[in-house]
Amino acid sequence: MNTYSITYDGDLRCTLVHDDSGQRVITDAPKDNHGRGEAFSPTDLCCAALGACLTTVMGIAARKEGIRIDGARLAVEKRMSAQPPRRIVGIAVRLAMPPGVPRARRAHLEQVARTCPVALSLHPDIAQDIVFTWPD
C-alpha cells in the first residue's frame, strides 16, 4: 500500500511527500483560483497523472514485446468547467510516438494506454481525448 504525507504550508500551497521514496511535490492554487500558479495545482497533477500512467502501462506492454517507446512525448491539456462548481471536464493528451514501433503492435499499445488505471479511475463525465501520432 502506497502512502503519502501532505503538509499545508499556507498561502494555498502544499508539500506532498511520497513516503517510500521521500520524493516531494509542491502544489499551488492556480492564478484563476486565488493562487500564485507557481507550481502544479492539484487538478494539474490529476491530468498529468493520466499522461504519465498511460505512458507507463504502454511502456510495460512494449517492454514485454521487446519494443522500445523511449522518447515518446506528451502534451496534456486540462479543461475546467466554465460554470461552478470548479471541476475537470476534459483532459486532452497528445502523444508523439517514436519511430521503430511495428505497425502491427500500435493498436494494441494504444488500447493498453487508453485503459490505464488512471483512465479507468476518472469519472466518466470527464472527457478523455487521447490522440497518438506515429512518425510514419
N, C-alpha and C. Protein backbone atom coordinates (compact mmCIF):
# COMPACT_ATOMS: atom_id res chain seq x y z
N MET A 1 0.84 -1.18 0.00
CA MET A 1 0.00 0.00 0.00
C MET A 1 0.88 1.24 0.00
N ASN A 2 0.65 2.14 -0.95
CA ASN A 2 1.41 3.38 -1.00
C ASN A 2 0.79 4.40 -0.06
N THR A 3 1.66 5.15 0.59
CA THR A 3 1.18 6.21 1.47
C THR A 3 1.90 7.51 1.11
N TYR A 4 1.23 8.60 1.40
CA TYR A 4 1.73 9.92 1.09
C TYR A 4 1.45 10.82 2.28
N SER A 5 2.35 11.74 2.53
CA SER A 5 2.16 12.72 3.59
C SER A 5 2.02 14.08 2.94
N ILE A 6 1.06 14.86 3.42
CA ILE A 6 0.81 16.18 2.85
C ILE A 6 0.79 17.19 3.98
N THR A 7 1.49 18.29 3.75
CA THR A 7 1.52 19.39 4.69
C THR A 7 0.98 20.63 4.00
N TYR A 8 0.02 21.29 4.63
CA TYR A 8 -0.45 22.58 4.14
C TYR A 8 0.54 23.62 4.61
N ASP A 9 1.25 24.23 3.68
CA ASP A 9 2.31 25.19 4.01
C ASP A 9 1.79 26.59 4.20
N GLY A 10 0.51 26.80 3.90
CA GLY A 10 -0.06 28.14 3.99
C GLY A 10 -0.05 28.81 2.63
N ASP A 11 -0.81 29.86 2.52
CA ASP A 11 -0.86 30.65 1.30
C ASP A 11 -1.22 29.80 0.08
N LEU A 12 -2.11 28.81 0.28
CA LEU A 12 -2.65 27.93 -0.76
C LEU A 12 -1.62 27.01 -1.39
N ARG A 13 -0.59 26.67 -0.63
CA ARG A 13 0.49 25.80 -1.10
C ARG A 13 0.58 24.58 -0.19
N CYS A 14 0.84 23.42 -0.81
CA CYS A 14 1.02 22.17 -0.06
C CYS A 14 2.31 21.50 -0.49
N THR A 15 2.89 20.73 0.42
CA THR A 15 4.02 19.87 0.11
C THR A 15 3.55 18.44 0.24
N LEU A 16 3.70 17.67 -0.83
CA LEU A 16 3.32 16.26 -0.86
C LEU A 16 4.59 15.43 -0.81
N VAL A 17 4.61 14.41 0.02
CA VAL A 17 5.77 13.55 0.14
C VAL A 17 5.35 12.11 -0.12
N HIS A 18 6.06 11.46 -1.04
CA HIS A 18 5.88 10.03 -1.29
C HIS A 18 6.68 9.33 -0.19
N ASP A 19 5.97 8.70 0.74
CA ASP A 19 6.62 8.20 1.94
C ASP A 19 7.71 7.17 1.67
N ASP A 20 7.53 6.30 0.70
CA ASP A 20 8.54 5.26 0.44
C ASP A 20 9.86 5.84 -0.08
N SER A 21 9.78 6.85 -0.93
CA SER A 21 10.99 7.36 -1.57
C SER A 21 11.47 8.70 -1.01
N GLY A 22 10.58 9.42 -0.36
CA GLY A 22 10.92 10.75 0.13
C GLY A 22 10.82 11.84 -0.94
N GLN A 23 10.42 11.46 -2.16
CA GLN A 23 10.25 12.46 -3.22
C GLN A 23 9.17 13.46 -2.83
N ARG A 24 9.40 14.70 -3.20
CA ARG A 24 8.48 15.79 -2.83
C ARG A 24 7.91 16.46 -4.07
N VAL A 25 6.67 16.90 -3.95
CA VAL A 25 6.00 17.69 -4.97
C VAL A 25 5.32 18.85 -4.26
N ILE A 26 5.44 20.02 -4.83
CA ILE A 26 4.78 21.20 -4.29
C ILE A 26 3.55 21.47 -5.16
N THR A 27 2.43 21.81 -4.52
CA THR A 27 1.26 22.26 -5.28
C THR A 27 0.95 23.70 -4.87
N ASP A 28 0.33 24.39 -5.80
CA ASP A 28 -0.06 25.77 -5.56
C ASP A 28 -1.41 25.97 -6.23
N ALA A 29 -2.26 26.76 -5.64
CA ALA A 29 -3.54 27.07 -6.29
C ALA A 29 -3.25 27.84 -7.58
N PRO A 30 -4.04 27.59 -8.63
CA PRO A 30 -3.82 28.30 -9.89
C PRO A 30 -4.20 29.78 -9.78
N LYS A 31 -3.65 30.56 -10.68
CA LYS A 31 -3.93 32.00 -10.66
C LYS A 31 -5.41 32.30 -10.78
N ASP A 32 -6.15 31.46 -11.54
CA ASP A 32 -7.58 31.74 -11.72
C ASP A 32 -8.42 31.24 -10.54
N ASN A 33 -7.75 30.76 -9.48
CA ASN A 33 -8.47 30.33 -8.29
C ASN A 33 -7.73 30.79 -7.03
N HIS A 34 -7.36 32.07 -7.02
CA HIS A 34 -6.80 32.73 -5.84
C HIS A 34 -5.34 32.39 -5.54
N GLY A 35 -4.67 31.65 -6.39
CA GLY A 35 -3.30 31.25 -6.12
C GLY A 35 -2.28 32.03 -6.92
N ARG A 36 -1.03 31.63 -6.73
CA ARG A 36 0.07 32.26 -7.45
C ARG A 36 0.40 31.52 -8.74
N GLY A 37 -0.05 30.26 -8.85
CA GLY A 37 0.23 29.49 -10.06
C GLY A 37 1.71 29.22 -10.25
N GLU A 38 2.44 29.05 -9.15
CA GLU A 38 3.89 28.85 -9.23
C GLU A 38 4.30 27.38 -9.24
N ALA A 39 3.32 26.49 -9.19
CA ALA A 39 3.59 25.05 -9.19
C ALA A 39 2.35 24.35 -9.75
N PHE A 40 2.45 23.05 -9.92
CA PHE A 40 1.28 22.28 -10.33
C PHE A 40 0.16 22.52 -9.33
N SER A 41 -1.06 22.63 -9.83
CA SER A 41 -2.22 22.64 -8.95
C SER A 41 -2.65 21.19 -8.76
N PRO A 42 -3.49 20.89 -7.77
CA PRO A 42 -3.97 19.52 -7.63
C PRO A 42 -4.66 19.00 -8.90
N THR A 43 -5.43 19.85 -9.58
CA THR A 43 -6.09 19.38 -10.80
C THR A 43 -5.08 19.19 -11.93
N ASP A 44 -4.01 19.99 -11.94
CA ASP A 44 -2.93 19.76 -12.91
C ASP A 44 -2.32 18.38 -12.70
N LEU A 45 -2.08 18.03 -11.45
CA LEU A 45 -1.49 16.72 -11.14
C LEU A 45 -2.41 15.58 -11.59
N CYS A 46 -3.70 15.77 -11.43
CA CYS A 46 -4.65 14.75 -11.87
C CYS A 46 -4.52 14.52 -13.38
N CYS A 47 -4.46 15.61 -14.13
CA CYS A 47 -4.36 15.49 -15.59
C CYS A 47 -2.99 14.94 -16.00
N ALA A 48 -1.94 15.42 -15.37
CA ALA A 48 -0.60 14.92 -15.67
C ALA A 48 -0.49 13.44 -15.32
N ALA A 49 -1.19 13.02 -14.26
CA ALA A 49 -1.18 11.61 -13.87
C ALA A 49 -1.75 10.73 -14.98
N LEU A 50 -2.76 11.21 -15.68
CA LEU A 50 -3.30 10.43 -16.80
C LEU A 50 -2.22 10.22 -17.85
N GLY A 51 -1.53 11.27 -18.23
CA GLY A 51 -0.47 11.14 -19.24
C GLY A 51 0.65 10.22 -18.79
N ALA A 52 1.08 10.37 -17.56
CA ALA A 52 2.17 9.53 -17.04
C ALA A 52 1.73 8.07 -16.93
N CYS A 53 0.50 7.85 -16.49
CA CYS A 53 0.01 6.49 -16.31
C CYS A 53 -0.13 5.77 -17.65
N LEU A 54 -0.75 6.43 -18.63
CA LEU A 54 -0.94 5.73 -19.90
C LEU A 54 0.38 5.45 -20.58
N THR A 55 1.35 6.34 -20.40
CA THR A 55 2.67 6.09 -20.97
C THR A 55 3.38 4.95 -20.24
N THR A 56 3.24 4.90 -18.94
CA THR A 56 3.88 3.86 -18.15
C THR A 56 3.35 2.48 -18.50
N VAL A 57 2.02 2.33 -18.56
CA VAL A 57 1.48 1.00 -18.87
C VAL A 57 1.77 0.61 -20.31
N MET A 58 1.82 1.59 -21.20
CA MET A 58 2.20 1.30 -22.58
C MET A 58 3.67 0.86 -22.62
N GLY A 59 4.50 1.48 -21.80
CA GLY A 59 5.90 1.08 -21.71
C GLY A 59 6.06 -0.33 -21.18
N ILE A 60 5.22 -0.70 -20.21
CA ILE A 60 5.26 -2.08 -19.67
C ILE A 60 4.90 -3.06 -20.76
N ALA A 61 3.81 -2.79 -21.49
CA ALA A 61 3.38 -3.69 -22.56
C ALA A 61 4.42 -3.75 -23.67
N ALA A 62 5.00 -2.62 -24.02
CA ALA A 62 6.01 -2.59 -25.08
C ALA A 62 7.24 -3.38 -24.66
N ARG A 63 7.67 -3.22 -23.42
CA ARG A 63 8.84 -3.94 -22.94
C ARG A 63 8.64 -5.45 -23.03
N LYS A 64 7.44 -5.92 -22.68
CA LYS A 64 7.15 -7.36 -22.75
C LYS A 64 7.30 -7.90 -24.17
N GLU A 65 7.09 -7.02 -25.16
CA GLU A 65 7.18 -7.43 -26.56
C GLU A 65 8.52 -7.08 -27.19
N GLY A 66 9.44 -6.57 -26.39
CA GLY A 66 10.74 -6.20 -26.91
C GLY A 66 10.71 -4.93 -27.75
N ILE A 67 9.72 -4.09 -27.52
CA ILE A 67 9.57 -2.84 -28.26
C ILE A 67 9.99 -1.69 -27.34
N ARG A 68 10.66 -0.70 -27.90
CA ARG A 68 11.08 0.47 -27.13
C ARG A 68 10.21 1.66 -27.53
N ILE A 69 9.73 2.38 -26.53
CA ILE A 69 8.99 3.62 -26.81
C ILE A 69 9.71 4.82 -26.19
N ASP A 70 10.98 4.64 -25.88
CA ASP A 70 11.78 5.74 -25.32
C ASP A 70 11.68 6.94 -26.25
N GLY A 71 11.53 8.10 -25.68
CA GLY A 71 11.44 9.32 -26.46
C GLY A 71 10.02 9.74 -26.81
N ALA A 72 9.04 8.91 -26.43
CA ALA A 72 7.65 9.33 -26.64
C ALA A 72 7.45 10.65 -25.89
N ARG A 73 6.72 11.57 -26.52
CA ARG A 73 6.49 12.89 -25.91
C ARG A 73 5.01 13.15 -25.83
N LEU A 74 4.60 13.73 -24.72
CA LEU A 74 3.18 14.01 -24.49
C LEU A 74 2.96 15.48 -24.22
N ALA A 75 1.83 15.96 -24.67
CA ALA A 75 1.33 17.27 -24.29
C ALA A 75 -0.05 17.01 -23.66
N VAL A 76 -0.26 17.54 -22.48
CA VAL A 76 -1.51 17.33 -21.75
C VAL A 76 -2.17 18.68 -21.53
N GLU A 77 -3.46 18.74 -21.83
CA GLU A 77 -4.23 19.97 -21.63
C GLU A 77 -5.41 19.69 -20.71
N LYS A 78 -5.52 20.51 -19.69
CA LYS A 78 -6.63 20.40 -18.73
C LYS A 78 -7.74 21.35 -19.16
N ARG A 79 -8.96 20.84 -19.14
CA ARG A 79 -10.13 21.68 -19.42
C ARG A 79 -11.00 21.70 -18.17
N MET A 80 -11.21 22.92 -17.66
CA MET A 80 -12.02 23.09 -16.45
C MET A 80 -13.41 23.58 -16.84
N SER A 81 -14.37 23.33 -15.97
CA SER A 81 -15.74 23.78 -16.21
C SER A 81 -15.79 25.30 -16.24
N ALA A 82 -16.64 25.83 -17.11
CA ALA A 82 -16.81 27.27 -17.20
C ALA A 82 -17.73 27.78 -16.09
N GLN A 83 -18.59 26.90 -15.61
CA GLN A 83 -19.56 27.27 -14.58
C GLN A 83 -19.24 26.52 -13.28
N PRO A 84 -19.58 27.10 -12.14
CA PRO A 84 -19.41 26.38 -10.87
C PRO A 84 -20.25 25.11 -10.85
N PRO A 85 -19.83 24.11 -10.16
CA PRO A 85 -18.61 24.05 -9.35
C PRO A 85 -17.38 23.80 -10.22
N ARG A 86 -16.22 24.27 -9.74
CA ARG A 86 -14.97 24.04 -10.46
C ARG A 86 -14.70 22.54 -10.48
N ARG A 87 -14.42 22.04 -11.66
CA ARG A 87 -14.05 20.64 -11.79
C ARG A 87 -13.42 20.44 -13.16
N ILE A 88 -12.70 19.36 -13.29
CA ILE A 88 -12.12 18.99 -14.58
C ILE A 88 -13.24 18.44 -15.43
N VAL A 89 -13.38 18.95 -16.65
CA VAL A 89 -14.41 18.42 -17.55
C VAL A 89 -13.78 17.68 -18.73
N GLY A 90 -12.50 17.90 -18.95
CA GLY A 90 -11.84 17.21 -20.05
C GLY A 90 -10.34 17.23 -19.92
N ILE A 91 -9.73 16.19 -20.46
CA ILE A 91 -8.27 16.10 -20.50
C ILE A 91 -7.90 15.68 -21.91
N ALA A 92 -7.09 16.50 -22.57
CA ALA A 92 -6.59 16.16 -23.90
C ALA A 92 -5.14 15.72 -23.76
N VAL A 93 -4.83 14.58 -24.34
CA VAL A 93 -3.46 14.07 -24.32
C VAL A 93 -3.04 13.84 -25.77
N ARG A 94 -1.94 14.45 -26.16
CA ARG A 94 -1.38 14.28 -27.50
C ARG A 94 -0.04 13.58 -27.36
N LEU A 95 0.05 12.39 -27.93
CA LEU A 95 1.28 11.61 -27.84
C LEU A 95 1.98 11.60 -29.18
N ALA A 96 3.24 11.99 -29.19
CA ALA A 96 4.08 11.87 -30.37
C ALA A 96 4.98 10.67 -30.12
N MET A 97 4.70 9.60 -30.85
CA MET A 97 5.39 8.34 -30.61
C MET A 97 6.70 8.28 -31.40
N PRO A 98 7.68 7.57 -30.87
CA PRO A 98 8.98 7.48 -31.54
C PRO A 98 8.93 6.48 -32.71
N PRO A 99 9.91 6.55 -33.59
CA PRO A 99 9.98 5.57 -34.67
C PRO A 99 10.35 4.19 -34.13
N GLY A 100 10.08 3.18 -34.94
CA GLY A 100 10.52 1.83 -34.61
C GLY A 100 9.46 0.93 -34.02
N VAL A 101 8.26 1.45 -33.74
CA VAL A 101 7.19 0.61 -33.20
C VAL A 101 6.49 -0.05 -34.39
N PRO A 102 6.48 -1.39 -34.41
CA PRO A 102 5.85 -2.08 -35.54
C PRO A 102 4.38 -1.68 -35.70
N ARG A 103 3.95 -1.45 -36.91
CA ARG A 103 2.56 -1.06 -37.19
C ARG A 103 1.58 -2.09 -36.60
N ALA A 104 1.94 -3.34 -36.66
CA ALA A 104 1.05 -4.41 -36.19
C ALA A 104 0.81 -4.35 -34.68
N ARG A 105 1.64 -3.64 -33.92
CA ARG A 105 1.51 -3.58 -32.46
C ARG A 105 0.95 -2.25 -31.97
N ARG A 106 0.78 -1.29 -32.84
CA ARG A 106 0.37 0.05 -32.42
C ARG A 106 -1.03 0.08 -31.83
N ALA A 107 -1.99 -0.55 -32.47
CA ALA A 107 -3.37 -0.54 -31.96
C ALA A 107 -3.43 -1.16 -30.56
N HIS A 108 -2.67 -2.24 -30.37
CA HIS A 108 -2.64 -2.89 -29.05
C HIS A 108 -2.08 -1.93 -28.01
N LEU A 109 -0.98 -1.27 -28.32
CA LEU A 109 -0.38 -0.34 -27.36
C LEU A 109 -1.31 0.84 -27.07
N GLU A 110 -2.01 1.31 -28.08
CA GLU A 110 -2.97 2.40 -27.86
C GLU A 110 -4.10 1.95 -26.93
N GLN A 111 -4.58 0.73 -27.11
CA GLN A 111 -5.65 0.21 -26.25
C GLN A 111 -5.17 0.05 -24.81
N VAL A 112 -3.96 -0.44 -24.65
CA VAL A 112 -3.37 -0.57 -23.31
C VAL A 112 -3.33 0.81 -22.64
N ALA A 113 -2.90 1.82 -23.38
CA ALA A 113 -2.79 3.17 -22.83
C ALA A 113 -4.16 3.71 -22.43
N ARG A 114 -5.16 3.53 -23.28
CA ARG A 114 -6.50 4.07 -23.02
C ARG A 114 -7.19 3.39 -21.82
N THR A 115 -6.69 2.25 -21.42
CA THR A 115 -7.29 1.52 -20.29
C THR A 115 -6.35 1.47 -19.09
N CYS A 116 -5.49 2.48 -18.97
CA CYS A 116 -4.58 2.53 -17.83
C CYS A 116 -5.39 2.77 -16.54
N PRO A 117 -4.81 2.48 -15.38
CA PRO A 117 -5.54 2.65 -14.13
C PRO A 117 -6.10 4.05 -13.89
N VAL A 118 -5.38 5.09 -14.26
CA VAL A 118 -5.91 6.44 -14.04
C VAL A 118 -7.09 6.69 -14.97
N ALA A 119 -6.96 6.30 -16.24
CA ALA A 119 -8.07 6.49 -17.19
C ALA A 119 -9.33 5.80 -16.69
N LEU A 120 -9.18 4.61 -16.15
CA LEU A 120 -10.33 3.86 -15.67
C LEU A 120 -10.86 4.38 -14.33
N SER A 121 -10.06 5.16 -13.62
CA SER A 121 -10.46 5.69 -12.32
C SER A 121 -11.13 7.05 -12.40
N LEU A 122 -10.93 7.75 -13.51
CA LEU A 122 -11.54 9.08 -13.65
C LEU A 122 -13.04 8.93 -13.86
N HIS A 123 -13.78 9.90 -13.37
CA HIS A 123 -15.24 9.90 -13.52
C HIS A 123 -15.59 9.88 -15.01
N PRO A 124 -16.60 9.11 -15.40
CA PRO A 124 -16.95 9.02 -16.83
C PRO A 124 -17.40 10.34 -17.44
N ASP A 125 -17.77 11.33 -16.65
CA ASP A 125 -18.13 12.64 -17.18
C ASP A 125 -16.92 13.44 -17.64
N ILE A 126 -15.72 13.00 -17.27
CA ILE A 126 -14.50 13.70 -17.69
C ILE A 126 -14.11 13.16 -19.06
N ALA A 127 -14.19 14.01 -20.08
CA ALA A 127 -13.84 13.60 -21.44
C ALA A 127 -12.33 13.36 -21.53
N GLN A 128 -11.96 12.22 -22.06
CA GLN A 128 -10.56 11.89 -22.29
C GLN A 128 -10.33 11.86 -23.79
N ASP A 129 -9.61 12.85 -24.28
CA ASP A 129 -9.33 12.99 -25.71
C ASP A 129 -7.86 12.62 -25.91
N ILE A 130 -7.61 11.38 -26.26
CA ILE A 130 -6.25 10.84 -26.37
C ILE A 130 -5.94 10.58 -27.84
N VAL A 131 -4.91 11.25 -28.35
CA VAL A 131 -4.55 11.13 -29.77
C VAL A 131 -3.09 10.73 -29.88
N PHE A 132 -2.84 9.70 -30.67
CA PHE A 132 -1.49 9.21 -30.94
C PHE A 132 -1.06 9.69 -32.33
N THR A 133 0.18 10.15 -32.43
CA THR A 133 0.78 10.47 -33.72
C THR A 133 2.01 9.58 -33.87
N TRP A 134 2.00 8.81 -34.94
CA TRP A 134 3.12 7.92 -35.24
C TRP A 134 3.97 8.57 -36.32
N PRO A 135 5.29 8.36 -36.30
CA PRO A 135 6.18 9.09 -37.22
C PRO A 135 6.06 8.70 -38.70
N ASP A 136 5.37 7.60 -39.00
CA ASP A 136 5.26 7.21 -40.42
C ASP A 136 3.85 6.82 -40.79
